[in-house]
């Protein structure tokens, strides 16, 4: 390692080890950040698909409710349901 004055900097071995460990830690953190970003993308896809399915299910339930209400309105109100 060199100082900007051109003089060589001598580091204690413990400092060198700490620098190496810090670089390894930084690489691990970058890998974890990338993995978290990928998991977020997967979660977004799952949430979007689930929301779309829920909206489709709700639309179908409303359609069924409207059909049932229409059948009830057409029936003879003087006759019992059973």
Protein backbone atom coordinates (compact mmCIF):
# COMPACT_ATOMS: atom_id res chain seq x y z
CA UNK A 1 0.00 0.00 0.00
CA UNK A 2 1.35 3.45 -0.93
CA UNK A 3 0.67 6.88 0.49
CA UNK A 4 -0.14 9.68 -1.98
CA UNK A 5 3.31 11.13 -1.28
CA UNK A 6 4.87 8.04 -2.81
CA UNK A 7 5.96 6.62 0.50
CA UNK A 8 5.10 3.06 1.27
CA UNK A 9 2.70 2.50 4.15
CA UNK A 10 3.53 -0.38 6.41
CA UNK A 11 0.57 -1.94 8.14
CA UNK A 12 0.47 -4.20 11.13
CA UNK A 13 -0.54 -7.78 10.20
CA UNK A 14 -3.71 -7.46 12.29
CA UNK A 15 -4.72 -4.43 10.22
CA UNK A 16 -4.15 -6.39 7.02
CA UNK A 17 -6.26 -9.25 8.32
CA UNK A 18 -9.00 -6.80 9.33
CA UNK A 19 -8.96 -5.23 5.86
CA UNK A 20 -9.23 -8.63 4.20
CA UNK A 21 -12.09 -9.62 6.50
CA UNK A 22 -13.82 -6.30 5.82
CA UNK A 23 -13.62 -6.92 2.06
CA UNK A 24 -15.01 -10.43 2.49
CA UNK A 25 -17.80 -9.06 4.67
CA UNK A 26 -18.56 -6.42 2.05
CA UNK A 27 -18.80 -9.10 -0.68
CA UNK A 28 -21.09 -11.19 1.52
CA UNK A 29 -23.30 -8.17 2.19
CA UNK A 30 -23.51 -7.41 -1.54
CA UNK A 31 -24.52 -11.02 -2.21
CA UNK A 32 -27.17 -10.83 0.51
CA UNK A 33 -28.50 -7.55 -0.88
CA UNK A 34 -28.78 -9.13 -4.31
CA UNK A 35 -30.61 -12.11 -2.83
CA UNK A 36 -33.00 -9.84 -0.93
CA UNK A 37 -33.69 -7.89 -4.13
CA UNK A 38 -34.44 -11.14 -5.95
CA UNK A 39 -36.76 -12.29 -3.16
CA UNK A 40 -38.57 -8.95 -3.29
CA UNK A 41 -39.12 -9.41 -7.01
CA UNK A 42 -40.53 -12.90 -6.41
CA UNK A 43 -42.77 -11.55 -3.65
CA UNK A 44 -44.07 -8.82 -5.97
CA UNK A 45 -44.96 -11.43 -8.60
CA UNK A 46 -46.73 -13.61 -6.01
CA UNK A 47 -48.64 -10.64 -4.56
CA UNK A 48 -49.67 -9.47 -8.02
CA UNK A 49 -50.88 -12.96 -9.02
CA UNK A 50 -52.72 -13.40 -5.73
CA UNK A 51 -54.39 -10.01 -6.06
CA UNK A 52 -55.45 -10.77 -9.63
CA UNK A 53 -56.89 -14.13 -8.54
CA UNK A 54 -58.73 -12.49 -5.64
CA UNK A 55 -60.23 -9.91 -7.99
CA UNK A 56 -61.33 -12.65 -10.39
CA UNK A 57 -62.84 -14.65 -7.51
CA UNK A 58 -64.67 -11.57 -6.25
CA UNK A 59 -66.03 -10.90 -9.73
CA UNK A 60 -67.28 -14.50 -9.95
CA UNK A 61 -68.89 -14.33 -6.49
CA UNK A 62 -70.66 -11.10 -7.39
CA UNK A 63 -71.91 -12.68 -10.60
CA UNK A 64 -73.23 -15.67 -8.66
CA UNK A 65 -74.88 -13.38 -6.11
CA UNK A 66 -76.59 -11.38 -8.83
CA UNK A 67 -77.86 -14.61 -10.43
CA UNK A 68 -79.17 -15.87 -7.07
CA UNK A 69 -80.88 -12.55 -6.35
CA UNK A 70 -82.47 -12.61 -9.80
CA UNK A 71 -83.81 -16.13 -9.17
CA UNK A 72 -85.24 -15.04 -5.80
CA UNK A 73 -87.01 -12.09 -7.38
CA UNK A 74 -88.61 -14.34 -10.03
CA UNK A 75 -90.03 -16.84 -7.54
CA UNK A 76 -93.61 -16.76 -6.34
CA UNK A 77 -93.51 -14.98 -2.99
CA UNK A 78 -96.67 -16.78 -1.86
CA UNK A 79 -94.90 -20.15 -1.93
CA UNK A 80 -92.53 -21.14 0.90
CA UNK A 81 -88.82 -21.59 0.20
CA UNK A 82 -88.90 -25.25 1.29
